[in-house]
Amino acid sequence: MDGRTRANIAPGMEVRIVLKRDQRTGKLTQGVVKEILTNSPTHPHGIKVRLQDGQVGRVKEILSKT
């Protein structure tokens, strides 16, 4: 599912994000969404979220609905 649309993402979902430091390499980090940080309905590089472990990045893949 598309990580560029805010409506597709909710707290508790399992996602893969790219951290700021990994943007050049494209390395993905997997985790569970704690909160959504992007306010706009869409973002071309992915919606910014904070994972439950505190890491912040942009959603590239949505793995589960809950």
Protein backbone atom coordinates (compact mmCIF):
# COMPACT_ATOMS: atom_id res chain seq x y z
CA MET A 1 0.00 0.00 0.00
CA ASP A 2 1.05 3.57 -0.63
CA GLY A 3 2.98 5.34 2.14
CA ARG A 4 2.47 8.74 0.53
CA THR A 5 -1.19 9.06 1.59
CA ARG A 6 -1.92 9.92 5.23
CA ALA A 7 -5.33 8.17 5.19
CA ASN A 8 -3.58 4.81 4.57
CA ILE A 9 -1.57 5.05 7.82
CA ALA A 10 -2.73 4.72 11.42
CA PRO A 11 -1.08 4.17 14.81
CA GLY A 12 -0.46 0.49 15.48
CA MET A 13 0.29 -0.39 11.86
CA GLU A 14 3.49 -2.21 10.95
CA VAL A 15 5.48 -0.25 8.35
CA ARG A 16 8.92 0.14 6.80
CA ILE A 17 10.37 3.64 6.91
CA VAL A 18 13.50 5.32 5.62
CA LEU A 19 15.34 7.27 8.32
CA LYS A 20 16.88 10.67 7.49
CA ARG A 21 20.41 9.23 7.78
CA ASP A 22 19.48 6.35 5.42
CA GLN A 23 17.92 8.43 2.62
CA ARG A 24 21.00 8.15 0.39
CA THR A 25 21.22 4.36 0.72
CA GLY A 26 17.49 3.68 0.85
CA LYS A 27 17.91 1.32 3.82
CA LEU A 28 14.51 0.57 5.37
CA THR A 29 13.72 0.23 9.07
CA GLN A 30 10.72 -1.82 10.18
CA GLY A 31 8.51 -0.93 13.14
CA VAL A 32 5.07 -0.08 14.49
CA VAL A 33 3.64 3.44 14.08
CA LYS A 34 3.25 5.37 17.34
CA GLU A 35 2.18 8.70 15.83
CA ILE A 36 1.80 10.44 12.47
CA LEU A 37 3.89 13.61 12.17
CA THR A 38 2.88 14.84 8.69
CA ASN A 39 -0.24 17.03 8.74
CA SER A 40 -0.91 17.24 5.00
CA PRO A 41 -3.07 14.51 3.36
CA THR A 42 -0.24 13.46 1.01
CA HIS A 43 3.53 13.86 0.71
CA PRO A 44 5.63 12.92 -2.36
CA HIS A 45 8.41 11.29 -0.27
CA GLY A 46 6.15 9.49 2.20
CA ILE A 47 4.24 10.40 5.34
CA LYS A 48 6.54 11.12 8.30
CA VAL A 49 5.87 8.96 11.36
CA ARG A 50 7.38 8.17 14.76
CA LEU A 51 7.76 4.48 15.53
CA GLN A 52 7.11 2.99 18.98
CA ASP A 53 10.87 2.79 19.55
CA GLY A 54 11.18 6.56 18.93
CA GLN A 55 12.74 6.51 15.45
CA VAL A 56 11.37 9.03 12.93
CA GLY A 57 11.21 8.55 9.17
CA ARG A 58 9.05 8.52 6.07
CA VAL A 59 6.83 5.53 5.26
CA LYS A 60 7.92 3.58 2.18
CA GLU A 61 5.92 0.36 2.72
CA ILE A 62 2.85 -0.56 4.75
CA LEU A 63 3.09 -4.16 5.95
CA SER A 64 -0.10 -4.64 7.99
CA LYS A 65 -3.43 -2.94 8.54
CA THR A 66 -3.28 -3.15 12.34
